[in-house]
C-alpha atoms as a PDB file:
ATOM      1  CA  MET A   1      36.708  30.748  27.354  1.00  0.00           C
ATOM      2  CA  ASP A   2      36.632  30.798  23.577  1.00  0.00           C
ATOM      3  CA  ARG A   3      34.819  27.439  23.574  1.00  0.00           C
ATOM      4  CA  MET A   4      31.925  28.724  25.670  1.00  0.00           C
ATOM      5  CA  THR A   5      28.409  28.054  24.452  1.00  0.00           C
ATOM      6  CA  LEU A   6      26.242  31.169  24.541  1.00  0.00           C
ATOM      7  CA  PHE A   7      22.488  31.262  24.161  1.00  0.00           C
ATOM      8  CA  LYS A   8      19.966  34.013  23.667  1.00  0.00           C
ATOM      9  CA  ARG A   9      18.917  35.876  26.761  1.00  0.00           C
ATOM     10  CA  GLY A  10      15.238  35.728  27.606  1.00  0.00           C
ATOM     11  CA  SER A  11      13.359  37.722  30.216  1.00  0.00           C
ATOM     12  CA  GLU A  12      15.601  36.599  33.075  1.00  0.00           C
ATOM     13  CA  SER A  13      17.692  39.035  35.085  1.00  0.00           C
ATOM     14  CA  SER A  14      21.333  39.726  34.226  1.00  0.00           C
ATOM     15  CA  ARG A  15      22.379  37.743  37.287  1.00  0.00           C
ATOM     16  CA  ASP A  16      20.300  34.698  36.328  1.00  0.00           C
ATOM     17  CA  TYR A  17      21.491  34.910  32.732  1.00  0.00           C
ATOM     18  CA  ALA A  18      25.130  34.937  33.845  1.00  0.00           C
ATOM     19  CA  TYR A  19      24.482  32.099  36.286  1.00  0.00           C
ATOM     20  CA  HIS A  20      22.792  29.839  33.739  1.00  0.00           C
ATOM     21  CA  ILE A  21      25.384  30.369  31.008  1.00  0.00           C
ATOM     22  CA  ILE A  22      28.383  29.879  33.290  1.00  0.00           C
ATOM     23  CA  LYS A  23      26.857  26.792  34.924  1.00  0.00           C
ATOM     24  CA  HIS A  24      25.928  25.305  31.543  1.00  0.00           C
ATOM     25  CA  ASN A  25      29.490  25.700  30.326  1.00  0.00           C
ATOM     26  CA  ILE A  26      30.952  24.205  33.495  1.00  0.00           C
ATOM     27  CA  LEU A  27      28.679  21.166  33.239  1.00  0.00           C
ATOM     28  CA  ASN A  28      29.401  20.599  29.541  1.00  0.00           C
ATOM     29  CA  LEU A  29      33.163  20.954  30.207  1.00  0.00           C
ATOM     30  CA  SER A  30      33.616  23.987  27.952  1.00  0.00           C
ATOM     31  CA  LEU A  31      34.943  25.552  31.147  1.00  0.00           C
ATOM     32  CA  GLU A  32      37.232  22.739  32.256  1.00  0.00           C
ATOM     33  CA  PRO A  33      37.876  21.685  35.859  1.00  0.00           C
ATOM     34  CA  GLY A  34      40.664  23.786  37.357  1.00  0.00           C
ATOM     35  CA  MET A  35      40.408  26.520  34.721  1.00  0.00           C
ATOM     36  CA  SER A  36      41.020  30.074  35.908  1.00  0.00           C
ATOM     37  CA  ILE A  37      38.052  32.356  35.268  1.00  0.00           C
ATOM     38  CA  SER A  38      37.773  36.051  36.035  1.00  0.00           C
ATOM     39  CA  GLU A  39      34.778  38.278  36.583  1.00  0.00           C
ATOM     40  CA  THR A  40      36.227  40.835  34.178  1.00  0.00           C
ATOM     41  CA  ASP A  41      36.742  38.396  31.317  1.00  0.00           C
ATOM     42  CA  MET A  42      33.339  36.820  31.885  1.00  0.00           C
ATOM     43  CA  SER A  43      31.669  40.228  31.988  1.00  0.00           C
ATOM     44  CA  ASP A  44      33.233  41.087  28.638  1.00  0.00           C
ATOM     45  CA  LYS A  45      32.259  37.712  27.170  1.00  0.00           C
ATOM     46  CA  LEU A  46      28.632  38.037  28.275  1.00  0.00           C
ATOM     47  CA  GLU A  47      28.457  41.795  27.689  1.00  0.00           C
ATOM     48  CA  LEU A  48      27.301  42.399  31.247  1.00  0.00           C
ATOM     49  CA  SER A  49      28.483  44.559  34.115  1.00  0.00           C
ATOM     50  CA  ARG A  50      30.612  42.893  36.791  1.00  0.00           C
ATOM     51  CA  THR A  51      27.948  42.965  39.505  1.00  0.00           C
ATOM     52  CA  PRO A  52      25.627  40.249  38.084  1.00  0.00           C
ATOM     53  CA  VAL A  53      28.642  38.160  37.101  1.00  0.00           C
ATOM     54  CA  ARG A  54      30.071  38.459  40.616  1.00  0.00           C
ATOM     55  CA  GLU A  55      26.724  37.386  42.069  1.00  0.00           C
ATOM     56  CA  ALA A  56      26.643  34.406  39.692  1.00  0.00           C
ATOM     57  CA  PHE A  57      30.172  33.438  40.767  1.00  0.00           C
ATOM     58  CA  ILE A  58      29.112  33.529  44.421  1.00  0.00           C
ATOM     59  CA  GLN A  59      26.073  31.317  43.794  1.00  0.00           C
ATOM     60  CA  LEU A  60      28.134  28.822  41.796  1.00  0.00           C
ATOM     61  CA  SER A  61      30.712  28.829  44.576  1.00  0.00           C
ATOM     62  CA  GLU A  62      27.963  27.943  47.058  1.00  0.00           C
ATOM     63  CA  GLU A  63      27.008  25.052  44.754  1.00  0.00           C
ATOM     64  CA  GLY A  64      30.600  23.813  44.656  1.00  0.00           C
ATOM     65  CA  LEU A  65      31.205  24.570  40.979  1.00  0.00           C
ATOM     66  CA  ILE A  66      33.555  27.536  41.390  1.00  0.00           C
ATOM     67  CA  ASP A  67      36.342  27.935  43.950  1.00  0.00           C
ATOM     68  CA  ILE A  68      36.989  31.558  44.935  1.00  0.00           C
ATOM     69  CA  TYR A  69      40.309  32.412  46.582  1.00  0.00           C
ATOM     70  CA  PRO A  70      40.817  35.993  47.838  1.00  0.00           C
ATOM     71  CA  GLN A  71      43.895  37.622  46.293  1.00  0.00           C
ATOM     72  CA  LYS A  72      44.373  34.610  44.050  1.00  0.00           C
ATOM     73  CA  GLY A  73      41.340  34.397  41.793  1.00  0.00           C
ATOM     74  CA  SER A  74      38.473  32.121  40.845  1.00  0.00           C
ATOM     75  CA  PHE A  75      38.703  28.653  39.351  1.00  0.00           C
ATOM     76  CA  VAL A  76      36.269  26.081  38.017  1.00  0.00           C
ATOM     77  CA  SER A  77      36.093  23.460  40.756  1.00  0.00           C
ATOM     78  CA  LEU A  78      37.814  20.142  40.259  1.00  0.00           C
ATOM     79  CA  ILE A  79      35.641  17.043  39.989  1.00  0.00           C
ATOM     80  CA  ASP A  80      35.165  15.694  43.510  1.00  0.00           C
ATOM     81  CA  LEU A  81      35.228  11.896  43.399  1.00  0.00           C
ATOM     82  CA  GLU A  82      33.531  11.571  46.784  1.00  0.00           C
ATOM     83  CA  GLN A  83      30.608  13.649  45.534  1.00  0.00           C
ATOM     84  CA  VAL A  84      30.510  11.525  42.382  1.00  0.00           C
ATOM     85  CA  LYS A  85      30.081   8.383  44.487  1.00  0.00           C
ATOM     86  CA  GLU A  86      27.327   9.928  46.579  1.00  0.00           C
ATOM     87  CA  ALA A  87      25.472  11.227  43.523  1.00  0.00           C
ATOM     88  CA  ARG A  88      25.604   7.821  41.854  1.00  0.00           C
ATOM     89  CA  PHE A  89      24.298   6.202  45.043  1.00  0.00           C
ATOM     90  CA  LEU A  90      21.469   8.743  45.198  1.00  0.00           C
ATOM     91  CA  ARG A  91      20.514   8.105  41.580  1.00  0.00           C
ATOM     92  CA  GLU A  92      20.425   4.347  42.065  1.00  0.00           C
ATOM     93  CA  VAL A  93      18.176   4.516  45.121  1.00  0.00           C
ATOM     94  CA  LEU A  94      15.719   6.921  43.494  1.00  0.00           C
ATOM     95  CA  GLU A  95      15.736   5.524  39.956  1.00  0.00           C
ATOM     96  CA  VAL A  96      15.197   1.951  41.088  1.00  0.00           C
ATOM     97  CA  ALA A  97      12.197   3.190  43.080  1.00  0.00           C
ATOM     98  CA  VAL A  98      10.790   5.168  40.170  1.00  0.00           C
ATOM     99  CA  VAL A  99      11.171   2.326  37.656  1.00  0.00           C
ATOM    100  CA  GLU A 100       9.229   0.094  40.034  1.00  0.00           C
ATOM    101  CA  ALA A 101       6.507   2.748  40.223  1.00  0.00           C
ATOM    102  CA  ALA A 102       6.409   2.865  36.420  1.00  0.00           C
ATOM    103  CA  CYS A 103       5.583  -0.842  36.194  1.00  0.00           C
ATOM    104  CA  GLY A 104       1.859  -1.235  35.796  1.00  0.00           C
ATOM    105  CA  SER A 105       1.201   2.529  35.974  1.00  0.00           C
ATOM    106  CA  PHE A 106       2.475   3.693  32.580  1.00  0.00           C
ATOM    107  CA  THR A 107      -0.242   4.235  30.001  1.00  0.00           C
ATOM    108  CA  GLU A 108       0.127   3.033  26.432  1.00  0.00           C
ATOM    109  CA  GLU A 109       0.841   6.649  25.496  1.00  0.00           C
ATOM    110  CA  ASP A 110       3.632   6.811  28.087  1.00  0.00           C
ATOM    111  CA  LEU A 111       5.158   3.589  26.794  1.00  0.00           C
ATOM    112  CA  PHE A 112       4.953   4.775  23.194  1.00  0.00           C
ATOM    113  CA  GLU A 113       6.708   8.058  24.028  1.00  0.00           C
ATOM    114  CA  MET A 114       9.517   6.296  25.893  1.00  0.00           C
ATOM    115  CA  GLU A 115       9.986   3.703  23.153  1.00  0.00           C
ATOM    116  CA  ALA A 116      10.001   6.429  20.481  1.00  0.00           C
ATOM    117  CA  LEU A 117      12.783   8.151  22.413  1.00  0.00           C
ATOM    118  CA  ILE A 118      14.831   4.944  22.301  1.00  0.00           C
ATOM    119  CA  GLU A 119      14.374   4.849  18.524  1.00  0.00           C
ATOM    120  CA  HIS A 120      15.771   8.389  18.356  1.00  0.00           C
ATOM    121  CA  GLN A 121      18.750   7.216  20.400  1.00  0.00           C
ATOM    122  CA  LYS A 122      19.412   4.464  17.880  1.00  0.00           C
ATOM    123  CA  GLN A 123      19.296   6.960  15.019  1.00  0.00           C
ATOM    124  CA  TYR A 124      21.784   9.306  16.652  1.00  0.00           C
ATOM    125  CA  ASN A 125      24.031   6.391  17.550  1.00  0.00           C
ATOM    126  CA  ASP A 126      24.112   5.416  13.871  1.00  0.00           C
ATOM    127  CA  LYS A 127      25.138   9.005  13.087  1.00  0.00           C
ATOM    128  CA  LYS A 128      27.757   8.897  15.888  1.00  0.00           C
ATOM    129  CA  GLU A 129      26.334  12.115  17.338  1.00  0.00           C
ATOM    130  CA  TYR A 130      27.373  11.327  20.886  1.00  0.00           C
ATOM    131  CA  ALA A 131      26.687  14.727  22.440  1.00  0.00           C
ATOM    132  CA  LYS A 132      23.068  14.416  21.303  1.00  0.00           C
ATOM    133  CA  LEU A 133      22.989  10.846  22.627  1.00  0.00           C
ATOM    134  CA  HIS A 134      24.060  12.068  26.040  1.00  0.00           C
ATOM    135  CA  GLU A 135      21.210  14.579  25.940  1.00  0.00           C
ATOM    136  CA  LEU A 136      18.712  11.871  24.950  1.00  0.00           C
ATOM    137  CA  ASP A 137      20.034   9.585  27.687  1.00  0.00           C
ATOM    138  CA  GLU A 138      19.278  12.281  30.265  1.00  0.00           C
ATOM    139  CA  GLN A 139      15.869  12.785  28.657  1.00  0.00           C
ATOM    140  CA  PHE A 140      15.111   9.064  29.035  1.00  0.00           C
ATOM    141  CA  HIS A 141      15.722   9.188  32.773  1.00  0.00           C
ATOM    142  CA  HIS A 142      13.932  12.519  33.154  1.00  0.00           C
ATOM    143  CA  LEU A 143      10.844  11.139  31.413  1.00  0.00           C
ATOM    144  CA  LEU A 144      10.724   8.163  33.780  1.00  0.00           C
ATOM    145  CA  PHE A 145      10.426  10.556  36.718  1.00  0.00           C
ATOM    146  CA  SER A 146       8.072  12.917  34.909  1.00  0.00           C
ATOM    147  CA  LYS A 147       5.656  10.160  33.854  1.00  0.00           C
ATOM    148  CA  CYS A 148       5.568   8.941  37.473  1.00  0.00           C
ATOM    149  CA  GLY A 149       4.762  12.437  38.778  1.00  0.00           C
ATOM    150  CA  LYS A 150       8.192  12.813  40.397  1.00  0.00           C
ATOM    151  CA  GLN A 151       9.404  16.054  38.814  1.00  0.00           C
ATOM    152  CA  ARG A 152      10.580  17.495  42.126  1.00  0.00           C
ATOM    153  CA  THR A 153      12.554  14.336  42.817  1.00  0.00           C
ATOM    154  CA  TRP A 154      14.275  14.710  39.448  1.00  0.00           C
ATOM    155  CA  ALA A 155      14.993  18.382  40.240  1.00  0.00           C
ATOM    156  CA  PHE A 156      16.557  17.268  43.531  1.00  0.00           C
ATOM    157  CA  ILE A 157      18.815  14.843  41.657  1.00  0.00           C
ATOM    158  CA  GLN A 158      19.865  17.611  39.274  1.00  0.00           C
ATOM    159  CA  GLN A 159      20.788  19.864  42.179  1.00  0.00           C
ATOM    160  CA  ASN A 160      23.064  17.198  43.619  1.00  0.00           C
ATOM    161  CA  HIS A 161      24.825  15.614  40.682  1.00  0.00           C
ATOM    162  CA  ALA A 162      26.945  18.330  39.046  1.00  0.00           C
ATOM    163  CA  HIS A 163      30.204  16.445  39.655  1.00  0.00           C
ATOM    164  CA  TYR A 164      28.627  13.170  38.505  1.00  0.00           C
ATOM    165  CA  LYS A 165      27.352  14.837  35.341  1.00  0.00           C
ATOM    166  CA  ARG A 166      30.779  16.250  34.484  1.00  0.00           C
ATOM    167  CA  ILE A 167      32.600  12.971  34.904  1.00  0.00           C
ATOM    168  CA  ARG A 168      29.936  11.149  32.910  1.00  0.00           C
ATOM    169  CA  LEU A 169      30.350  13.598  30.050  1.00  0.00           C
ATOM    170  CA  LEU A 170      34.125  13.265  30.297  1.00  0.00           C
ATOM    171  CA  LEU A 171      33.811   9.495  30.031  1.00  0.00           C
ATOM    172  CA  LEU A 172      31.832   9.848  26.818  1.00  0.00           C
ATOM    173  CA  THR A 173      35.056  10.469  24.959  1.00  0.00           C
ATOM    174  CA  VAL A 174      36.754   7.360  26.320  1.00  0.00           C
ATOM    175  CA  TYR A 175      34.620   4.506  27.574  1.00  0.00           C
ATOM    176  CA  PHE A 176      30.963   4.714  26.555  1.00  0.00           C
ATOM    177  CA  ASP A 177      29.412   1.894  24.545  1.00  0.00           C
ATOM    178  CA  TRP A 178      26.177   3.516  23.440  1.00  0.00           C
ATOM    179  CA  GLU A 179      24.834   0.365  21.811  1.00  0.00           C
ATOM    180  CA  ALA A 180      24.967  -1.410  25.163  1.00  0.00           C
ATOM    181  CA  ILE A 181      23.287   1.519  26.907  1.00  0.00           C
ATOM    182  CA  ILE A 182      20.485   1.641  24.334  1.00  0.00           C
ATOM    183  CA  ARG A 183      19.963  -2.120  24.729  1.00  0.00           C
ATOM    184  CA  GLN A 184      19.586  -1.577  28.465  1.00  0.00           C
ATOM    185  CA  HIS A 185      17.039   1.185  27.886  1.00  0.00           C
ATOM    186  CA  THR A 186      15.123  -1.196  25.624  1.00  0.00           C
ATOM    187  CA  ARG A 187      15.133  -3.966  28.240  1.00  0.00           C
ATOM    188  CA  ILE A 188      14.022  -1.554  30.976  1.00  0.00           C
ATOM    189  CA  MET A 189      11.057  -0.470  28.883  1.00  0.00           C
ATOM    190  CA  GLY A 190      10.234  -4.091  28.051  1.00  0.00           C
ATOM    191  CA  PHE A 191      10.035  -4.961  31.745  1.00  0.00           C
ATOM    192  CA  ILE A 192       7.931  -1.865  32.462  1.00  0.00           C
ATOM    193  CA  ARG A 193       5.533  -2.843  29.660  1.00  0.00           C
ATOM    194  CA  GLU A 194       5.266  -6.348  31.170  1.00  0.00           C
ATOM    195  CA  ALA A 195       4.863  -4.885  34.691  1.00  0.00           C
ATOM    196  CA  ASP A 196       7.794  -7.071  35.786  1.00  0.00           C
ATOM    197  CA  HIS A 197       8.794  -5.069  38.856  1.00  0.00           C
ATOM    198  CA  GLN A 198      11.745  -7.171  39.975  1.00  0.00           C
ATOM    199  CA  SER A 199      13.353  -7.477  36.550  1.00  0.00           C
ATOM    200  CA  ALA A 200      12.876  -3.752  35.909  1.00  0.00           C
ATOM    201  CA  LYS A 201      14.618  -2.887  39.183  1.00  0.00           C
ATOM    202  CA  GLU A 202      17.509  -5.262  38.546  1.00  0.00           C
ATOM    203  CA  GLU A 203      17.959  -3.967  35.001  1.00  0.00           C
ATOM    204  CA  MET A 204      18.002  -0.364  36.217  1.00  0.00           C
ATOM    205  CA  LYS A 205      20.639  -1.237  38.821  1.00  0.00           C
ATOM    206  CA  GLU A 206      22.721  -2.906  36.131  1.00  0.00           C
ATOM    207  CA  HIS A 207      22.246   0.103  33.878  1.00  0.00           C
ATOM    208  CA  LEU A 208      23.394   2.611  36.490  1.00  0.00           C
ATOM    209  CA  ARG A 209      26.344   0.409  37.449  1.00  0.00           C
ATOM    210  CA  TYR A 210      27.257  -0.314  33.841  1.00  0.00           C
ATOM    211  CA  LEU A 211      30.375   1.762  33.852  1.00  0.00           C
ATOM    212  CA  ILE A 212      32.906   0.823  36.524  1.00  0.00           C
ATOM    213  CA  ILE A 213      36.137   2.713  36.241  1.00  0.00           C
ATOM    214  CA  GLU A 214      39.320   2.448  38.265  1.00  0.00           C
ATOM    215  CA  ASN A 215      40.273   5.893  39.567  1.00  0.00           C
ATOM    216  CA  ASP A 216      43.875   5.516  38.423  1.00  0.00           C
ATOM    217  CA  GLU A 217      42.806   4.745  34.867  1.00  0.00           C
ATOM    218  CA  LEU A 218      40.731   7.899  34.558  1.00  0.00           C
ATOM    219  CA  ILE A 219      43.085  10.160  36.486  1.00  0.00           C
ATOM    220  CA  GLN A 220      46.000   9.048  34.341  1.00  0.00           C
ATOM    221  CA  GLN A 221      44.329  10.621  31.314  1.00  0.00           C
ATOM    222  CA  HIS A 222      42.833  13.689  33.039  1.00  0.00           C
ATOM    223  CA  SER A 223      44.949  14.133  36.159  1.00  0.00           C
ATOM    224  CA  ASP A 224      44.355  17.894  36.351  1.00  0.00           C
ATOM    225  CA  PHE A 225      40.580  17.523  36.533  1.00  0.00           C
ATOM    226  CA  PHE A 226      40.189  15.827  39.928  1.00  0.00           C
ATOM    227  CA  ARG A 227      40.137  17.082  43.483  1.00  0.00           C
ATOM    228  CA  TYR A 228      41.554  13.840  44.910  1.00  0.00           C
ATOM    229  CA  PRO A 229      44.106  12.507  42.399  1.00  0.00           C
ATOM    230  CA  LYS A 230      44.951   9.399  44.410  1.00  0.00           C
ATOM    231  CA  SER A 231      43.499   5.941  43.953  1.00  0.00           C
ATOM    232  CA  THR A 232      40.736   5.137  46.422  1.00  0.00           C
ATOM    233  CA  GLY A 233      39.465   1.995  44.730  1.00  0.00           C
ATOM    234  CA  GLU A 234      36.654   1.510  42.295  1.00  0.00           C
ATOM    235  CA  ILE A 235      34.059   4.156  41.652  1.00  0.00           C
ATOM    236  CA  TRP A 236      30.783   3.266  39.999  1.00  0.00           C
ATOM    237  CA  PHE A 237      29.409   5.722  37.515  1.00  0.00           C
END
């Protein structure tokens, strides 16, 4: 747990503070899949009593991010490949719909903000700051939903893509071609600006299906991170 990222506590309760920090560190892989974590150690790390930490563990267990075994201990959940597939399917259905809604409805201000974000992505790619690029990639997709008035839809996606998010971050270190991703973002925005609904939808599908990985290839490098370490065919990320 030495690699954990801590952030300043605001006005939230001890339970919420523990929940947000532990979840953040699970999603950014500081707490790796399969890692043993204890309430006592986490309480010491966060300088909290055990009760709010225990409550945070229970909530994260309900969300599928921590596995709690009586008499054995608690562990960060392994990445569930079936949930990854479902989350990617969910994102494609919803993001294709939202990019179609964006065509013809985005204001010039909306377009400028999105295109400025792409320029930031290019700058961070030049600096090879890939963690920041991942953050800006998420921001690009979030803004699409936000500008279309679909914040609750985006929140729903976030609630259901924890396993997808972890594997995507894991793949950053191995497979990602950020130049290609930024080019896709640029084309998506070009089609939105032109109100070309069909091309925008097809480009978004291509973007979300950009990375196709064979299970065996990924599991070979990170075999301890997955719930189902047997090949089940291609998975689209």
